[in-house]
N, C-alpha and C. Protein backbone atom coordinates (compact mmCIF):
# COMPACT_ATOMS: atom_id res chain seq x y z
N UNK A 1 0.88 -1.26 0.15
CA UNK A 1 0.08 -0.06 -0.04
C UNK A 1 0.81 1.27 -0.11
N UNK A 2 0.71 2.25 -0.87
CA UNK A 2 1.33 3.22 -0.89
C UNK A 2 1.07 4.38 -0.33
N UNK A 3 1.64 5.21 0.16
CA UNK A 3 1.16 6.36 1.06
C UNK A 3 0.77 7.53 -0.02
N UNK A 4 -0.37 8.28 0.26
CA UNK A 4 -0.63 9.15 -0.55
C UNK A 4 0.21 10.68 -0.12
N UNK A 5 0.72 11.27 -1.04
CA UNK A 5 1.35 12.37 -1.02
C UNK A 5 0.65 13.57 -0.98
N UNK A 6 0.60 14.40 -0.03
CA UNK A 6 -0.38 15.61 -0.08
C UNK A 6 0.41 16.54 -0.72
N UNK A 7 -0.09 17.62 -1.47
CA UNK A 7 0.51 18.90 -1.99
C UNK A 7 0.29 19.79 -0.91
N UNK A 8 1.28 20.80 -0.81
CA UNK A 8 1.36 21.79 0.22
C UNK A 8 1.08 22.94 -0.64
N UNK A 9 0.15 24.11 -0.63
CA UNK A 9 0.21 25.21 -1.03
C UNK A 9 0.45 26.47 -0.23
N UNK A 10 1.21 27.55 -0.79
CA UNK A 10 1.53 28.70 -0.04
C UNK A 10 0.33 29.50 0.27
N UNK A 11 0.45 30.17 1.21
CA UNK A 11 -0.59 31.14 1.57
C UNK A 11 -1.02 32.32 0.48
N UNK A 12 -0.04 32.47 -0.40
CA UNK A 12 -0.17 33.39 -1.53
C UNK A 12 -0.93 32.68 -2.45
N UNK A 13 -0.86 31.36 -2.57
CA UNK A 13 -1.48 30.79 -3.63
C UNK A 13 -2.92 30.67 -3.33
N UNK A 14 -3.05 30.24 -2.06
CA UNK A 14 -4.58 30.16 -1.34
C UNK A 14 -5.47 31.38 -1.67
N UNK A 15 -4.73 32.66 -1.26
CA UNK A 15 -5.53 33.64 -1.43
C UNK A 15 -5.77 34.08 -2.80
N UNK A 16 -4.95 33.87 -3.56
CA UNK A 16 -5.00 34.13 -5.29
C UNK A 16 -6.23 33.36 -5.63
N UNK A 17 -6.40 31.97 -5.11
CA UNK A 17 -7.28 31.06 -5.81
C UNK A 17 -8.52 31.70 -5.23
N UNK A 18 -8.65 32.29 -3.84
CA UNK A 18 -10.06 32.80 -3.42
C UNK A 18 -10.25 34.14 -3.98
N UNK A 19 -9.25 34.81 -4.35
CA UNK A 19 -9.58 36.29 -5.15
C UNK A 19 -10.36 35.93 -6.45
N UNK A 20 -9.55 35.04 -7.06
CA UNK A 20 -10.20 34.47 -8.58
C UNK A 20 -11.75 33.88 -8.34
N UNK A 21 -11.78 33.13 -7.31
CA UNK A 21 -13.27 32.54 -7.26
C UNK A 21 -14.24 33.54 -6.82
N UNK A 22 -13.71 34.72 -6.16
CA UNK A 22 -14.61 35.86 -6.00
C UNK A 22 -15.01 36.93 -7.09
N UNK A 23 -14.37 36.63 -8.36
CA UNK A 23 -14.44 37.34 -9.25
C UNK A 23 -15.96 37.26 -10.07
N UNK A 24 -16.38 38.28 -10.73
CA UNK A 24 -17.53 38.16 -11.36
C UNK A 24 -17.63 37.35 -12.44
N UNK A 25 -18.40 36.53 -12.70
CA UNK A 25 -18.42 35.56 -13.97
C UNK A 25 -17.64 34.53 -13.98
N UNK A 26 -16.93 34.12 -12.82
CA UNK A 26 -15.84 33.12 -12.63
C UNK A 26 -16.63 32.24 -11.48
N UNK A 27 -16.52 30.78 -12.20
CA UNK A 27 -17.24 29.82 -11.11
C UNK A 27 -16.01 29.23 -10.38
N UNK A 28 -16.64 28.46 -9.38
CA UNK A 28 -15.52 27.89 -8.32
C UNK A 28 -14.91 26.64 -9.30
N UNK A 29 -15.86 26.15 -10.01
CA UNK A 29 -15.26 24.95 -11.09
C UNK A 29 -14.27 25.16 -11.97
N UNK A 30 -14.36 26.73 -12.63
CA UNK A 30 -13.32 27.28 -13.65
C UNK A 30 -12.08 27.25 -12.70
N UNK A 31 -12.18 27.81 -11.50
CA UNK A 31 -10.75 28.08 -10.73
C UNK A 31 -10.04 27.05 -10.40
N UNK A 32 -10.96 26.14 -10.00
CA UNK A 32 -10.43 24.67 -9.47
C UNK A 32 -9.80 23.94 -10.98
N UNK A 33 -10.37 23.95 -11.90
CA UNK A 33 -9.77 23.39 -13.29
C UNK A 33 -8.45 24.17 -13.74
N UNK A 34 -8.48 25.46 -13.52
CA UNK A 34 -7.29 26.23 -14.03
C UNK A 34 -6.20 25.92 -12.90
N UNK A 35 -6.56 26.03 -11.94
CA UNK A 35 -5.24 25.86 -10.66
C UNK A 35 -4.94 24.38 -10.41
N UNK A 36 -5.65 23.54 -10.72
CA UNK A 36 -5.45 22.09 -10.62
C UNK A 36 -5.84 21.64 -8.86
N UNK A 37 -6.92 22.13 -8.56
CA UNK A 37 -7.20 21.82 -7.13
C UNK A 37 -8.68 21.30 -7.04
N UNK A 38 -9.09 20.86 -6.01
CA UNK A 38 -10.28 20.22 -5.92
C UNK A 38 -11.40 21.31 -5.47
N UNK A 39 -12.89 21.05 -5.75
CA UNK A 39 -13.55 22.12 -5.45
C UNK A 39 -13.83 21.92 -3.86
N UNK A 40 -13.45 20.80 -3.40
CA UNK A 40 -13.54 20.34 -1.56
C UNK A 40 -12.56 21.29 -0.96
N UNK A 41 -11.19 21.42 -1.72
CA UNK A 41 -10.16 22.09 -1.23
C UNK A 41 -10.29 23.69 -1.22
N UNK A 42 -10.98 23.83 -2.52
CA UNK A 42 -11.21 25.28 -2.32
C UNK A 42 -12.49 25.84 -1.22
N UNK A 43 -13.45 25.14 -1.21
CA UNK A 43 -14.50 25.32 -0.03
C UNK A 43 -13.70 25.42 1.19
N UNK A 44 -12.82 24.49 1.39
CA UNK A 44 -12.03 24.44 2.93
C UNK A 44 -11.34 25.65 2.97
N UNK A 45 -10.59 26.02 2.04
CA UNK A 45 -9.94 27.35 2.20
C UNK A 45 -11.11 28.52 2.34
N UNK A 46 -11.95 28.66 1.77
CA UNK A 46 -12.89 29.72 1.93
C UNK A 46 -13.52 29.76 3.27
N UNK A 47 -13.85 28.27 3.73
CA UNK A 47 -14.28 28.47 5.28
C UNK A 47 -13.50 29.08 6.39
N UNK A 48 -12.12 28.53 6.05
CA UNK A 48 -11.12 28.73 7.08
C UNK A 48 -10.64 30.47 6.91
N UNK A 49 -11.00 30.94 5.82
CA UNK A 49 -10.83 32.44 5.54
C UNK A 49 -11.79 33.02 6.30
N UNK A 50 -12.95 32.68 6.15
CA UNK A 50 -14.12 33.46 6.84
C UNK A 50 -13.83 33.23 8.10
N UNK A 51 -13.55 32.33 8.74
CA UNK A 51 -13.59 32.13 10.23
C UNK A 51 -12.26 33.03 10.67
N UNK A 52 -11.16 32.83 9.98
CA UNK A 52 -9.87 33.50 10.73
C UNK A 52 -9.43 34.86 10.02
N UNK A 53 -10.02 35.05 8.96
CA UNK A 53 -9.87 36.44 8.15
C UNK A 53 -8.42 36.37 7.67
N UNK A 54 -7.79 37.45 7.99
CA UNK A 54 -6.10 37.69 7.44
C UNK A 54 -5.34 36.80 8.27
N UNK A 55 -5.74 36.01 9.40
CA UNK A 55 -4.98 35.42 10.10
C UNK A 55 -5.08 33.78 9.75
N UNK A 56 -5.62 33.52 8.48
CA UNK A 56 -5.81 32.29 7.87
C UNK A 56 -4.37 32.09 7.28
N UNK A 57 -4.21 30.67 6.95
CA UNK A 57 -3.14 30.36 6.27
C UNK A 57 -1.83 30.74 6.80
N UNK A 58 -1.14 30.61 8.00
CA UNK A 58 -0.20 31.06 8.54
C UNK A 58 1.09 30.65 7.91
N UNK A 59 1.08 29.38 7.12
CA UNK A 59 2.28 28.93 6.32
C UNK A 59 3.11 28.24 7.15
N UNK A 60 4.43 28.01 6.64
CA UNK A 60 5.33 27.00 7.47
C UNK A 60 6.17 27.78 8.56
N UNK A 61 5.85 29.07 8.75
CA UNK A 61 6.82 29.62 9.75
C UNK A 61 8.12 30.18 9.33
N UNK A 62 8.22 29.66 7.73
CA UNK A 62 9.93 29.86 7.45
C UNK A 62 9.40 31.15 6.26
N UNK A 63 10.49 32.01 6.32
CA UNK A 63 10.44 33.30 5.60
C UNK A 63 11.15 32.81 4.20
N UNK A 64 10.57 33.39 3.17
CA UNK A 64 11.20 33.03 1.67
C UNK A 64 12.55 33.58 1.64
N UNK A 65 12.84 34.58 2.27
CA UNK A 65 14.31 35.33 2.34
C UNK A 65 15.28 34.11 2.62
N UNK A 66 14.81 33.57 3.98
CA UNK A 66 15.79 32.44 4.66
C UNK A 66 15.70 31.47 3.80
N UNK A 67 14.79 30.94 2.94
CA UNK A 67 14.71 29.54 2.37
C UNK A 67 15.67 30.06 1.02
N UNK A 68 15.47 31.35 0.51
CA UNK A 68 16.44 31.74 -0.56
C UNK A 68 17.96 31.72 -0.36
N UNK A 69 18.06 32.06 1.01
CA UNK A 69 19.43 32.07 1.41
C UNK A 69 20.00 30.70 1.74
N UNK A 70 19.36 29.74 2.18
CA UNK A 70 19.73 28.59 2.26
C UNK A 70 20.01 27.95 1.01
N UNK A 71 19.14 27.96 -0.06
CA UNK A 71 19.06 27.48 -1.19
C UNK A 71 20.53 27.94 -1.86
N UNK A 72 20.87 29.20 -1.78
CA UNK A 72 21.98 29.94 -2.49
C UNK A 72 23.33 29.09 -1.93
N UNK A 73 23.24 28.95 -0.58
CA UNK A 73 24.45 28.35 0.09
C UNK A 73 24.59 27.10 -0.21
N UNK A 74 23.53 26.20 -0.55
CA UNK A 74 23.61 24.82 -1.11
C UNK A 74 23.95 24.87 -2.47
N UNK A 75 23.66 25.68 -3.54
CA UNK A 75 24.12 26.02 -4.87
C UNK A 75 25.61 26.25 -4.75
N UNK A 76 26.11 27.30 -3.98
CA UNK A 76 27.40 27.64 -3.86
C UNK A 76 28.36 26.38 -3.73
N UNK A 77 27.99 25.45 -2.68
CA UNK A 77 28.77 24.19 -2.26
C UNK A 77 28.74 23.14 -3.35
N UNK A 78 27.54 23.29 -3.95
CA UNK A 78 27.63 22.10 -5.10
C UNK A 78 28.26 22.62 -6.25
N UNK A 79 28.47 23.91 -6.36
CA UNK A 79 29.35 24.41 -7.46
C UNK A 79 30.77 24.13 -7.27
N UNK A 80 30.99 24.37 -5.98
CA UNK A 80 32.63 24.16 -5.51
C UNK A 80 32.99 22.64 -5.50
N UNK A 81 32.15 21.72 -5.28
CA UNK A 81 32.37 20.56 -5.46
C UNK A 81 32.45 19.90 -6.86
N UNK A 82 31.52 20.50 -7.65
CA UNK A 82 31.61 20.15 -9.19
C UNK A 82 33.10 20.55 -9.84
N UNK A 83 33.47 22.00 -9.34
CA UNK A 83 34.53 22.62 -10.00
C UNK A 83 35.99 21.60 -9.42
N UNK A 84 35.83 21.05 -8.19
CA UNK A 84 36.87 20.45 -7.57
C UNK A 84 36.74 18.93 -8.46
N UNK A 85 35.79 18.41 -8.60
CA UNK A 85 35.64 17.12 -9.17
C UNK A 85 36.19 17.27 -10.86
N UNK A 86 35.96 18.43 -11.50
CA UNK A 86 36.37 18.68 -12.80
C UNK A 86 38.06 18.65 -12.77
N UNK A 87 38.31 19.43 -12.02
CA UNK A 87 39.99 19.49 -11.61
C UNK A 87 40.67 18.25 -11.49
N UNK A 88 39.85 17.39 -10.58
CA UNK A 88 40.79 16.13 -10.13
C UNK A 88 40.49 15.30 -11.71
N UNK A 89 39.46 15.43 -12.47
CA UNK A 89 39.22 14.62 -13.48
C UNK A 89 40.46 14.85 -14.48
N UNK A 90 40.80 16.23 -14.66
CA UNK A 90 41.90 16.58 -15.59
C UNK A 90 42.97 16.32 -14.92
N UNK A 91 43.14 16.17 -13.79
CA UNK A 91 44.61 15.77 -13.31
C UNK A 91 44.86 14.17 -13.57
N UNK A 92 43.84 13.45 -13.05
CA UNK A 92 44.12 12.19 -13.38
C UNK A 92 44.06 11.68 -14.73
N UNK A 93 43.64 12.43 -15.77
CA UNK A 93 43.49 12.03 -17.10
C UNK A 93 45.08 12.21 -17.65
N UNK A 94 45.71 13.32 -17.01
CA UNK A 94 47.05 13.64 -17.39
C UNK A 94 48.12 12.65 -16.80
N UNK A 95 47.83 12.20 -15.65
CA UNK A 95 48.43 10.97 -14.92
C UNK A 95 48.41 9.74 -15.59
N UNK A 96 47.31 9.46 -16.16
CA UNK A 96 47.28 8.11 -16.92
C UNK A 96 47.88 7.97 -18.41
N UNK A 97 48.10 9.22 -18.89
CA UNK A 97 48.79 9.18 -20.17
C UNK A 97 50.37 8.63 -20.19
């Protein structure tokens, strides 16, 4: 039996979906099809927003800037490792001749 993987949506995505669903001449079905979410999920988000207002969808507690800085650090480290391996490959290619 495989475990179902749930998608996580950002607070911005949820607010965007609710804003689009509240526009004139746009149905919930249209929004759900465009964004690839279920009508049940959209109803849940709408109910949560009605109950909590702007405090709905608090997110993961991680700032996007923090996440971006961490990803940049990881990228820099991966680039250093790549460059080292390139140099090592060149060195060993010369040695084998």
